[in-house]
């Protein structure tokens, strides 16, 4: 979701894994795991045993690459799926996070590298949009990030 979406929106970033949001229920988790194995993937059983959210996530390796498949947890993740966008990424068409959702998620995580990514992909019109500012407010990231976004817009 993260680095792939960042690349799709025009800013390449190195990553160690691939994160995917896949709409499946906890009851369908074993079916998803079987499909991964049938395609040559190897389920990370150690991680699954140690992870308390095992029913919401599946970790596997495919050709040496770690892939995390997360299932939606309402209400935010379902909204992410509904707002996704089709973009060209790594030479193929793929569904990725909307630019607004990418920015909000990066600001929500709050690591310095995520904040830098949010600012790199944010365009002045987007950073000042009422929809983005409303989402930041909903996530209780409002006043601080609204101020940061406003200052960026003023300097561009």
C-alpha atoms as a PDB file:
ATOM      1  CA  UNK A   1       0.000   0.000   0.000  1.00  0.00           C
ATOM      2  CA  UNK A   2       2.625   2.553   1.043  1.00  0.00           C
ATOM      3  CA  UNK A   3       5.711   2.455  -1.189  1.00  0.00           C
ATOM      4  CA  UNK A   4       3.764   1.093  -4.145  1.00  0.00           C
ATOM      5  CA  UNK A   5       1.254   3.939  -3.891  1.00  0.00           C
ATOM      6  CA  UNK A   6       4.058   6.479  -3.464  1.00  0.00           C
ATOM      7  CA  UNK A   7       5.653   5.179  -6.670  1.00  0.00           C
ATOM      8  CA  UNK A   8       2.308   5.230  -8.485  1.00  0.00           C
ATOM      9  CA  UNK A   9       1.879   8.892  -7.559  1.00  0.00           C
ATOM     10  CA  UNK A  10       5.285   9.797  -8.995  1.00  0.00           C
ATOM     11  CA  UNK A  11       7.860   9.517  -6.214  1.00  0.00           C
ATOM     12  CA  UNK A  12       9.891   6.300  -6.226  1.00  0.00           C
ATOM     13  CA  UNK A  13      10.880   5.010  -2.803  1.00  0.00           C
ATOM     14  CA  UNK A  14      12.842   1.903  -1.887  1.00  0.00           C
ATOM     15  CA  UNK A  15      10.999  -0.683   0.166  1.00  0.00           C
ATOM     16  CA  UNK A  16      11.747  -4.046   1.703  1.00  0.00           C
ATOM     17  CA  UNK A  17       8.268  -5.512   1.319  1.00  0.00           C
ATOM     18  CA  UNK A  18       4.920  -5.243  -0.398  1.00  0.00           C
ATOM     19  CA  UNK A  19       1.770  -4.423   1.552  1.00  0.00           C
ATOM     20  CA  UNK A  20      -1.611  -5.309   0.094  1.00  0.00           C
ATOM     21  CA  UNK A  21      -5.153  -4.694   1.278  1.00  0.00           C
ATOM     22  CA  UNK A  22      -7.310  -7.607   0.153  1.00  0.00           C
ATOM     23  CA  UNK A  23     -11.018  -7.871   0.893  1.00  0.00           C
ATOM     24  CA  UNK A  24     -11.422 -11.285   2.544  1.00  0.00           C
ATOM     25  CA  UNK A  25     -13.065 -12.486   5.739  1.00  0.00           C
ATOM     26  CA  UNK A  26     -11.329 -14.327   8.558  1.00  0.00           C
ATOM     27  CA  UNK A  27     -13.175 -17.439   7.383  1.00  0.00           C
ATOM     28  CA  UNK A  28     -11.632 -17.061   3.900  1.00  0.00           C
ATOM     29  CA  UNK A  29      -8.105 -16.580   5.265  1.00  0.00           C
ATOM     30  CA  UNK A  30      -7.127 -20.249   4.784  1.00  0.00           C
ATOM     31  CA  UNK A  31      -8.370 -20.122   1.191  1.00  0.00           C
ATOM     32  CA  UNK A  32      -6.180 -17.048   0.550  1.00  0.00           C
ATOM     33  CA  UNK A  33      -3.206 -18.818   2.167  1.00  0.00           C
ATOM     34  CA  UNK A  34      -3.784 -21.888  -0.035  1.00  0.00           C
ATOM     35  CA  UNK A  35      -3.893 -19.704  -3.152  1.00  0.00           C
ATOM     36  CA  UNK A  36      -0.599 -18.063  -2.136  1.00  0.00           C
ATOM     37  CA  UNK A  37       1.054 -21.473  -1.697  1.00  0.00           C
ATOM     38  CA  UNK A  38      -0.353 -22.677  -5.040  1.00  0.00           C
ATOM     39  CA  UNK A  39       1.323 -19.670  -6.708  1.00  0.00           C
ATOM     40  CA  UNK A  40       4.696 -20.544  -5.163  1.00  0.00           C
ATOM     41  CA  UNK A  41       4.541 -18.425  -2.022  1.00  0.00           C
ATOM     42  CA  UNK A  42       5.727 -19.587   1.369  1.00  0.00           C
ATOM     43  CA  UNK A  43       3.592 -18.680   4.390  1.00  0.00           C
ATOM     44  CA  UNK A  44       5.581 -17.275   7.333  1.00  0.00           C
ATOM     45  CA  UNK A  45       4.220 -19.676   9.969  1.00  0.00           C
ATOM     46  CA  UNK A  46       6.506 -18.361  12.735  1.00  0.00           C
ATOM     47  CA  UNK A  47       5.171 -14.851  12.247  1.00  0.00           C
ATOM     48  CA  UNK A  48       1.578 -16.102  12.161  1.00  0.00           C
ATOM     49  CA  UNK A  49       2.001 -17.871  15.519  1.00  0.00           C
ATOM     50  CA  UNK A  50       3.580 -14.832  17.161  1.00  0.00           C
ATOM     51  CA  UNK A  51       1.203 -12.222  15.753  1.00  0.00           C
ATOM     52  CA  UNK A  52      -1.927 -11.479  17.774  1.00  0.00           C
ATOM     53  CA  UNK A  53      -3.747 -10.076  14.714  1.00  0.00           C
ATOM     54  CA  UNK A  54      -3.175 -13.213  12.698  1.00  0.00           C
ATOM     55  CA  UNK A  55      -6.749 -13.280  11.422  1.00  0.00           C
ATOM     56  CA  UNK A  56      -6.382  -9.778   9.935  1.00  0.00           C
ATOM     57  CA  UNK A  57      -3.057 -10.303   8.226  1.00  0.00           C
ATOM     58  CA  UNK A  58      -1.154 -12.938   6.298  1.00  0.00           C
ATOM     59  CA  UNK A  59       2.612 -12.718   5.788  1.00  0.00           C
ATOM     60  CA  UNK A  60       4.411 -14.733   3.146  1.00  0.00           C
ATOM     61  CA  UNK A  61       7.478 -14.688   0.913  1.00  0.00           C
ATOM     62  CA  UNK A  62       7.265 -14.842  -2.839  1.00  0.00           C
ATOM     63  CA  UNK A  63      10.515 -15.108  -4.794  1.00  0.00           C
ATOM     64  CA  UNK A  64      12.418 -13.698  -1.802  1.00  0.00           C
ATOM     65  CA  UNK A  65      10.101 -10.723  -1.280  1.00  0.00           C
ATOM     66  CA  UNK A  66       8.092 -10.334   1.912  1.00  0.00           C
ATOM     67  CA  UNK A  67       4.411  -9.696   1.204  1.00  0.00           C
ATOM     68  CA  UNK A  68       1.932  -8.625   3.891  1.00  0.00           C
ATOM     69  CA  UNK A  69      -1.723  -9.106   2.988  1.00  0.00           C
ATOM     70  CA  UNK A  70      -4.070  -7.232   5.301  1.00  0.00           C
ATOM     71  CA  UNK A  71      -7.808  -7.591   5.360  1.00  0.00           C
ATOM     72  CA  UNK A  72      -9.966  -4.522   5.913  1.00  0.00           C
ATOM     73  CA  UNK A  73     -10.942  -3.554   9.408  1.00  0.00           C
ATOM     74  CA  UNK A  74     -13.965  -1.266   9.383  1.00  0.00           C
ATOM     75  CA  UNK A  75     -14.604   1.459   8.866  1.00  0.00           C
ATOM     76  CA  UNK A  76     -11.406   3.033   7.558  1.00  0.00           C
ATOM     77  CA  UNK A  77      -9.979   0.197   5.464  1.00  0.00           C
ATOM     78  CA  UNK A  78     -13.224  -0.390   3.588  1.00  0.00           C
ATOM     79  CA  UNK A  79     -13.277   3.321   2.800  1.00  0.00           C
ATOM     80  CA  UNK A  80      -9.703   2.990   1.485  1.00  0.00           C
ATOM     81  CA  UNK A  81     -10.846   0.247  -0.876  1.00  0.00           C
ATOM     82  CA  UNK A  82     -13.789   2.341  -2.050  1.00  0.00           C
ATOM     83  CA  UNK A  83     -11.557   5.359  -2.770  1.00  0.00           C
ATOM     84  CA  UNK A  84      -8.678   3.461  -4.409  1.00  0.00           C
ATOM     85  CA  UNK A  85      -7.399   4.631  -7.804  1.00  0.00           C
ATOM     86  CA  UNK A  86      -6.122   2.758 -10.855  1.00  0.00           C
ATOM     87  CA  UNK A  87      -2.537   3.845 -11.604  1.00  0.00           C
ATOM     88  CA  UNK A  88       0.438   2.596 -13.604  1.00  0.00           C
ATOM     89  CA  UNK A  89       2.993   1.197 -11.186  1.00  0.00           C
ATOM     90  CA  UNK A  90       6.168  -0.761 -11.891  1.00  0.00           C
ATOM     91  CA  UNK A  91       5.012  -1.195 -15.474  1.00  0.00           C
ATOM     92  CA  UNK A  92       1.555  -2.602 -14.711  1.00  0.00           C
ATOM     93  CA  UNK A  93      -1.855  -1.127 -13.979  1.00  0.00           C
ATOM     94  CA  UNK A  94      -2.691  -1.574 -10.302  1.00  0.00           C
ATOM     95  CA  UNK A  95      -5.155  -0.383  -7.699  1.00  0.00           C
ATOM     96  CA  UNK A  96      -3.437   1.912  -5.182  1.00  0.00           C
ATOM     97  CA  UNK A  97      -4.417   4.236  -2.369  1.00  0.00           C
ATOM     98  CA  UNK A  98      -5.903   7.546  -3.415  1.00  0.00           C
ATOM     99  CA  UNK A  99      -3.419  10.379  -3.032  1.00  0.00           C
ATOM    100  CA  UNK A 100      -5.465  11.867  -0.183  1.00  0.00           C
ATOM    101  CA  UNK A 101      -5.537   8.551   1.692  1.00  0.00           C
ATOM    102  CA  UNK A 102      -1.814   8.041   1.157  1.00  0.00           C
ATOM    103  CA  UNK A 103      -1.074  11.442   2.702  1.00  0.00           C
ATOM    104  CA  UNK A 104      -3.407  10.854   5.649  1.00  0.00           C
ATOM    105  CA  UNK A 105      -1.971   7.395   6.370  1.00  0.00           C
ATOM    106  CA  UNK A 106       1.604   8.656   6.191  1.00  0.00           C
ATOM    107  CA  UNK A 107       0.831  11.523   8.572  1.00  0.00           C
ATOM    108  CA  UNK A 108      -1.017   9.128  10.868  1.00  0.00           C
ATOM    109  CA  UNK A 109       1.985   6.777  11.115  1.00  0.00           C
ATOM    110  CA  UNK A 110       4.107   9.806  11.923  1.00  0.00           C
ATOM    111  CA  UNK A 111       7.613   8.444  11.367  1.00  0.00           C
ATOM    112  CA  UNK A 112       9.945  11.095   9.923  1.00  0.00           C
ATOM    113  CA  UNK A 113      10.267   9.200   6.622  1.00  0.00           C
ATOM    114  CA  UNK A 114       6.457   8.952   6.357  1.00  0.00           C
ATOM    115  CA  UNK A 115       6.028  12.683   6.963  1.00  0.00           C
ATOM    116  CA  UNK A 116       8.597  13.438   4.254  1.00  0.00           C
ATOM    117  CA  UNK A 117       6.727  11.153   1.829  1.00  0.00           C
ATOM    118  CA  UNK A 118       3.405  12.846   2.657  1.00  0.00           C
ATOM    119  CA  UNK A 119       4.916  16.229   1.912  1.00  0.00           C
ATOM    120  CA  UNK A 120       6.622  15.023  -1.290  1.00  0.00           C
ATOM    121  CA  UNK A 121       3.462  13.629  -2.842  1.00  0.00           C
ATOM    122  CA  UNK A 122       1.165  16.417  -1.635  1.00  0.00           C
ATOM    123  CA  UNK A 123       0.333  19.105  -4.154  1.00  0.00           C
ATOM    124  CA  UNK A 124      -0.600  22.591  -2.849  1.00  0.00           C
ATOM    125  CA  UNK A 125      -4.212  22.241  -4.019  1.00  0.00           C
ATOM    126  CA  UNK A 126      -4.493  18.876  -2.305  1.00  0.00           C
ATOM    127  CA  UNK A 127      -2.833  19.899   0.943  1.00  0.00           C
ATOM    128  CA  UNK A 128      -5.357  22.706   1.318  1.00  0.00           C
ATOM    129  CA  UNK A 129      -8.411  20.708   0.228  1.00  0.00           C
ATOM    130  CA  UNK A 130     -11.321  20.634   2.649  1.00  0.00           C
ATOM    131  CA  UNK A 131     -11.654  16.848   2.249  1.00  0.00           C
ATOM    132  CA  UNK A 132      -8.054  16.184   3.330  1.00  0.00           C
ATOM    133  CA  UNK A 133      -8.268  18.631   6.220  1.00  0.00           C
ATOM    134  CA  UNK A 134     -11.558  17.050   7.349  1.00  0.00           C
ATOM    135  CA  UNK A 135      -9.971  13.574   7.338  1.00  0.00           C
ATOM    136  CA  UNK A 136      -7.027  14.846   9.355  1.00  0.00           C
ATOM    137  CA  UNK A 137      -9.471  16.361  11.846  1.00  0.00           C
ATOM    138  CA  UNK A 138     -11.450  13.091  12.045  1.00  0.00           C
ATOM    139  CA  UNK A 139      -8.246  11.209  12.902  1.00  0.00           C
ATOM    140  CA  UNK A 140      -7.423  13.839  15.516  1.00  0.00           C
ATOM    141  CA  UNK A 141      -4.431  14.947  13.455  1.00  0.00           C
ATOM    142  CA  UNK A 142      -6.220  18.149  12.544  1.00  0.00           C
ATOM    143  CA  UNK A 143      -4.784  21.326  14.060  1.00  0.00           C
ATOM    144  CA  UNK A 144      -1.088  20.434  13.890  1.00  0.00           C
ATOM    145  CA  UNK A 145      -1.167  18.983  10.385  1.00  0.00           C
ATOM    146  CA  UNK A 146      -3.590  21.572   9.073  1.00  0.00           C
ATOM    147  CA  UNK A 147      -1.040  24.179  10.159  1.00  0.00           C
ATOM    148  CA  UNK A 148       1.835  22.277   8.505  1.00  0.00           C
ATOM    149  CA  UNK A 149      -0.133  21.845   5.262  1.00  0.00           C
ATOM    150  CA  UNK A 150      -1.116  25.528   5.258  1.00  0.00           C
ATOM    151  CA  UNK A 151       2.503  26.632   5.726  1.00  0.00           C
ATOM    152  CA  UNK A 152       3.642  24.420   2.852  1.00  0.00           C
ATOM    153  CA  UNK A 153       0.956  25.821   0.570  1.00  0.00           C
ATOM    154  CA  UNK A 154       2.008  29.372   1.484  1.00  0.00           C
ATOM    155  CA  UNK A 155       5.648  28.703   0.537  1.00  0.00           C
ATOM    156  CA  UNK A 156       4.907  27.083  -2.836  1.00  0.00           C
END
